[in-house]
Amino acid sequence: MKIKNKLIAVLLILVTLPVFSQEDTTKVIERPNIIKWNLTPIALVGPASIVLSYERVLKNGQTFSVGGGLLKRAPRKNKYGETIQLFDAVKRGGFDINADYRFFFKNRNANPVPDGLYWGPYTSLYHLNFEGNSEVYEDNVQVNSVAIKTDFYMYNLGVQLGYQFILKDRFSIDLFLVGPSYTHYNFNVKFDSQVAIDPDSDFYKDFKEILSTLLPGSEVILDDIDFSTGGRAKLNFIGYRYGVQIGYKF
């Protein structure tokens, strides 16, 4: 089964779990909904990224949530804080889709669900892309022109441990504390240059460094890419989820 089909199957399971896991269909839950804003992509990807989620408290004391949003990679900076703009960006974007199901530790938590310690399965899909062009100069003379196009996909399927604080029965702070996952990377890069790029040139070295900062985790697989023409690399390994969300309960 392809990884995309596996992800769809997991999403369907997470969505249908609430239907089959309800125990008390007569219990009334006050304010069972939470709308959340994920702050982590702002710090890791860029300030223009917006990812929201919706969590629903079920009558059996468990919850499920679905979320998604847009990702936009911020321009990279060097160690001096200066913006690195090797390419003039034509397009820089992406998206995040995620879902999870949560089991709260009733004997451990003093307050009602969804306050307290929880665990449960989760799945997510991240996509980032970048397109740009660069003119290469030597001694103030243009010697080359390079166009680049990259696509980066990351599929995650894992189990998380987290803690959610409910403040004044209205506001939430949701912390992803531990979240190991099976992670699949799919990284594609294509570029076209007027003149073959010299691997020993400063441009080539800067290009490789910039590419490793544009896409999280890509440094792991860059060695498998042929930078003279582009290429594709795939990798499976153990990933990790962490982060913080703030929300409003209603």
Protein backbone atom coordinates (compact mmCIF):
# COMPACT_ATOMS: atom_id res chain seq x y z
CA MET A 1 0.00 0.00 0.00
CA LYS A 2 1.40 3.40 -0.96
CA ILE A 3 2.18 5.88 1.81
CA LYS A 4 -0.58 8.26 0.66
CA ASN A 5 -3.14 5.47 0.86
CA LYS A 6 -1.88 4.55 4.33
CA LEU A 7 -2.29 8.15 5.45
CA ILE A 8 -5.85 8.31 4.11
CA ALA A 9 -6.69 5.03 5.88
CA VAL A 10 -5.35 6.35 9.17
CA LEU A 11 -7.32 9.58 8.82
CA LEU A 12 -10.51 7.58 8.24
CA ILE A 13 -9.81 5.49 11.34
CA LEU A 14 -9.21 8.58 13.46
CA VAL A 15 -12.42 10.18 12.22
CA THR A 16 -14.55 7.06 12.78
CA LEU A 17 -13.10 6.19 16.21
CA PRO A 18 -15.45 8.62 18.00
CA VAL A 19 -18.50 6.91 16.50
CA PHE A 20 -17.59 3.48 17.88
CA SER A 21 -16.07 4.56 21.21
CA GLN A 22 -18.91 6.49 22.84
CA GLU A 23 -20.14 4.91 26.05
CA ASP A 24 -22.65 7.33 27.52
CA THR A 25 -24.86 8.88 24.87
CA THR A 26 -26.99 10.79 27.39
CA LYS A 27 -24.26 12.76 29.13
CA VAL A 28 -24.28 16.47 28.37
CA ILE A 29 -20.87 18.14 28.00
CA GLU A 30 -20.61 21.89 28.45
CA ARG A 31 -18.41 23.65 25.90
CA PRO A 32 -17.16 20.51 24.10
CA ASN A 33 -15.39 22.41 21.30
CA ILE A 34 -11.97 24.05 21.12
CA ILE A 35 -10.56 26.10 18.27
CA LYS A 36 -6.74 26.23 18.41
CA TRP A 37 -3.90 28.16 16.86
CA ASN A 38 -0.66 26.22 16.44
CA LEU A 39 2.27 28.52 17.23
CA THR A 40 5.01 26.02 16.34
CA PRO A 41 5.00 26.53 12.52
CA ILE A 42 5.54 30.26 13.08
CA ALA A 43 8.79 29.53 14.88
CA LEU A 44 9.99 26.61 12.73
CA VAL A 45 8.80 27.59 9.25
CA GLY A 46 8.05 31.32 9.17
CA PRO A 47 5.85 34.08 10.67
CA ALA A 48 3.46 33.97 7.70
CA SER A 49 2.46 30.34 8.48
CA ILE A 50 -1.07 29.84 9.82
CA VAL A 51 -2.20 26.42 11.12
CA LEU A 52 -5.50 25.98 12.99
CA SER A 53 -7.22 22.94 14.51
CA TYR A 54 -10.56 21.90 15.96
CA GLU A 55 -10.85 19.57 18.98
CA ARG A 56 -14.11 17.91 20.03
CA VAL A 57 -14.75 16.37 23.46
CA LEU A 58 -16.70 13.11 23.22
CA LYS A 59 -19.21 11.71 25.70
CA ASN A 60 -16.81 8.94 26.72
CA GLY A 61 -14.25 11.42 28.00
CA GLN A 62 -12.00 11.18 24.95
CA THR A 63 -11.36 13.72 22.20
CA PHE A 64 -10.43 13.92 18.56
CA SER A 65 -9.03 16.81 16.58
CA VAL A 66 -8.39 17.75 12.95
CA GLY A 67 -6.37 20.64 11.68
CA GLY A 68 -4.66 22.25 8.77
CA GLY A 69 -3.27 25.44 7.37
CA LEU A 70 -0.77 27.17 5.13
CA LEU A 71 3.00 27.15 5.55
CA LYS A 72 5.34 29.80 4.18
CA ARG A 73 9.07 29.47 4.64
CA ALA A 74 10.77 32.64 5.84
CA PRO A 75 13.95 33.86 4.08
CA ARG A 76 17.03 32.29 5.66
CA LYS A 77 19.61 34.25 7.64
CA ASN A 78 23.30 33.61 8.19
CA LYS A 79 25.11 33.57 11.54
CA TYR A 80 25.37 37.35 11.42
CA GLY A 81 21.61 37.76 11.12
CA GLU A 82 21.83 38.86 7.48
CA THR A 83 19.19 37.65 5.01
CA ILE A 84 20.52 35.03 2.59
CA GLN A 85 18.85 35.53 -0.77
CA LEU A 86 20.75 33.37 -3.25
CA PHE A 87 17.55 32.99 -5.29
CA ASP A 88 14.88 35.54 -6.07
CA ALA A 89 11.82 33.64 -4.89
CA VAL A 90 9.05 33.21 -7.43
CA LYS A 91 7.01 30.93 -5.18
CA ARG A 92 7.42 29.86 -1.57
CA GLY A 93 4.59 27.99 0.16
CA GLY A 94 3.16 24.76 1.53
CA PHE A 95 0.52 23.27 3.79
CA ASP A 96 0.00 21.17 6.91
CA ILE A 97 -2.83 18.63 7.46
CA ASN A 98 -3.09 16.70 10.74
CA ALA A 99 -5.42 14.64 12.93
CA ASP A 100 -5.24 12.91 16.31
CA TYR A 101 -7.31 10.97 18.82
CA ARG A 102 -6.74 11.47 22.56
CA PHE A 103 -7.19 9.29 25.63
CA PHE A 104 -7.06 11.25 28.88
CA PHE A 105 -5.71 9.71 32.10
CA LYS A 106 -8.86 9.96 34.23
CA ASN A 107 -7.22 8.68 37.43
CA ARG A 108 -4.30 11.05 36.99
CA ASN A 109 -6.18 14.23 36.03
CA ALA A 110 -8.03 16.19 38.71
CA ASN A 111 -10.09 18.31 36.28
CA PRO A 112 -12.61 17.22 33.62
CA VAL A 113 -11.59 16.39 30.05
CA PRO A 114 -10.02 18.03 28.05
CA ASP A 115 -7.81 19.28 30.90
CA GLY A 116 -4.78 17.22 31.84
CA LEU A 117 -2.41 14.53 30.63
CA TYR A 118 -3.32 12.55 27.50
CA TRP A 119 -1.92 10.14 24.94
CA GLY A 120 -3.05 8.91 21.54
CA PRO A 121 -2.27 8.27 17.87
CA TYR A 122 -1.71 11.06 15.38
CA THR A 123 -0.96 11.51 11.71
CA SER A 124 0.17 14.51 9.67
CA LEU A 125 1.23 15.58 6.21
CA TYR A 126 3.56 18.50 5.56
CA HIS A 127 4.38 19.98 2.17
CA LEU A 128 6.82 22.78 1.36
CA ASN A 129 7.78 24.09 -2.06
CA PHE A 130 10.15 26.69 -3.41
CA GLU A 131 10.78 28.14 -6.86
CA GLY A 132 13.40 30.72 -7.71
CA ASN A 133 15.97 32.08 -10.12
CA SER A 134 19.52 33.23 -9.60
CA GLU A 135 22.00 35.08 -11.75
CA VAL A 136 25.64 34.17 -11.14
CA TYR A 137 28.26 36.92 -11.41
CA GLU A 138 32.05 36.88 -11.48
CA ASP A 139 33.92 40.20 -11.39
CA ASN A 140 30.59 42.00 -11.98
CA VAL A 141 29.96 39.98 -15.13
CA GLN A 142 27.03 37.55 -15.38
CA VAL A 143 28.40 34.09 -16.17
CA ASN A 144 25.36 31.90 -15.51
CA SER A 145 21.63 31.80 -14.76
CA VAL A 146 20.11 29.07 -12.58
CA ALA A 147 16.43 28.23 -12.00
CA ILE A 148 15.34 25.95 -9.17
CA LYS A 149 12.14 24.15 -8.21
CA THR A 150 11.80 22.01 -5.07
CA ASP A 151 9.01 19.98 -3.49
CA PHE A 152 9.23 18.45 -0.05
CA TYR A 153 6.68 16.08 1.51
CA MET A 154 6.81 14.62 5.00
CA TYR A 155 4.28 11.98 6.16
CA ASN A 156 4.09 11.14 9.87
CA LEU A 157 2.25 8.40 11.75
CA GLY A 158 2.93 8.16 15.48
CA VAL A 159 1.86 8.25 19.10
CA GLN A 160 2.00 11.35 21.26
CA LEU A 161 1.97 12.26 24.94
CA GLY A 162 0.79 15.73 25.85
CA TYR A 163 -0.73 17.99 28.48
CA GLN A 164 -3.54 20.48 28.04
CA PHE A 165 -4.31 23.31 30.46
CA ILE A 166 -7.86 24.67 30.54
CA LEU A 167 -7.99 28.16 32.05
CA LYS A 168 -11.26 29.59 33.39
CA ASP A 169 -13.14 26.96 31.34
CA ARG A 170 -12.56 29.06 28.23
CA PHE A 171 -8.93 29.08 27.19
CA SER A 172 -6.52 26.24 26.48
CA ILE A 173 -2.77 25.75 26.29
CA ASP A 174 -1.98 22.47 24.55
CA LEU A 175 1.56 21.09 24.79
CA PHE A 176 2.88 18.25 22.60
CA LEU A 177 5.52 16.78 24.93
CA VAL A 178 6.57 13.48 23.36
CA GLY A 179 5.60 12.32 19.87
CA PRO A 180 7.71 9.64 18.14
CA SER A 181 6.56 8.72 14.65
CA TYR A 182 7.24 6.70 11.55
CA THR A 183 8.26 9.40 9.07
CA HIS A 184 8.53 9.23 5.30
CA TYR A 185 10.41 11.96 3.41
CA ASN A 186 9.90 12.59 -0.28
CA PHE A 187 12.18 15.30 -1.65
CA ASN A 188 12.34 16.47 -5.28
CA VAL A 189 14.58 19.13 -6.76
CA LYS A 190 14.90 20.30 -10.35
CA PHE A 191 17.05 23.06 -11.68
CA ASP A 192 18.18 24.36 -15.03
CA SER A 193 21.34 26.37 -15.70
CA GLN A 194 22.73 27.97 -18.84
CA VAL A 195 26.20 26.67 -17.98
CA ALA A 196 27.09 23.52 -16.01
CA ILE A 197 27.70 24.40 -12.36
CA ASP A 198 31.20 23.84 -11.03
CA PRO A 199 30.94 21.77 -7.78
CA ASP A 200 33.97 23.67 -6.45
CA SER A 201 32.44 27.09 -7.07
CA ASP A 202 31.26 29.37 -4.28
CA PHE A 203 27.80 29.41 -5.85
CA TYR A 204 27.51 25.63 -5.67
CA LYS A 205 28.56 25.57 -2.02
CA ASP A 206 26.15 28.40 -1.15
CA PHE A 207 23.41 26.68 -3.13
CA LYS A 208 23.76 23.44 -1.18
CA GLU A 209 23.81 25.31 2.13
CA ILE A 210 20.73 27.37 1.28
CA LEU A 211 18.82 24.30 0.09
CA SER A 212 19.51 22.53 3.37
CA THR A 213 17.94 25.44 5.27
CA LEU A 214 14.93 25.90 3.00
CA LEU A 215 13.48 22.46 3.79
CA PRO A 216 13.59 20.94 7.30
CA GLY A 217 15.50 17.69 7.47
CA SER A 218 16.65 17.83 3.85
CA GLU A 219 20.32 17.77 4.91
CA VAL A 220 19.79 14.10 5.73
CA ILE A 221 19.20 13.19 2.09
CA LEU A 222 21.06 15.87 0.12
CA ASP A 223 23.97 13.53 -0.51
CA ASP A 224 21.69 11.40 -2.72
CA ILE A 225 20.83 14.32 -5.01
CA ASP A 226 22.66 14.95 -8.28
CA PHE A 227 23.06 18.72 -8.20
CA SER A 228 24.02 18.89 -11.86
CA THR A 229 20.50 17.99 -13.01
CA GLY A 230 18.32 17.57 -9.93
CA GLY A 231 16.76 14.42 -8.63
CA ARG A 232 14.53 12.70 -6.10
CA ALA A 233 15.29 11.18 -2.73
CA LYS A 234 13.11 9.15 -0.36
CA LEU A 235 13.83 8.21 3.21
CA ASN A 236 12.03 6.45 6.07
CA PHE A 237 13.08 6.98 9.67
CA ILE A 238 11.84 7.80 13.18
CA GLY A 239 10.53 11.36 13.45
CA TYR A 240 9.28 13.43 16.35
CA ARG A 241 6.39 15.76 17.12
CA TYR A 242 6.49 18.63 19.57
CA GLY A 243 4.87 22.04 19.85
CA VAL A 244 2.36 24.30 21.53
CA GLN A 245 -1.16 25.44 20.68
CA ILE A 246 -3.40 28.05 22.27
CA GLY A 247 -7.17 27.84 21.98
CA TYR A 248 -10.65 29.00 22.87
CA LYS A 249 -13.23 26.62 24.35
CA PHE A 250 -16.93 26.95 23.52
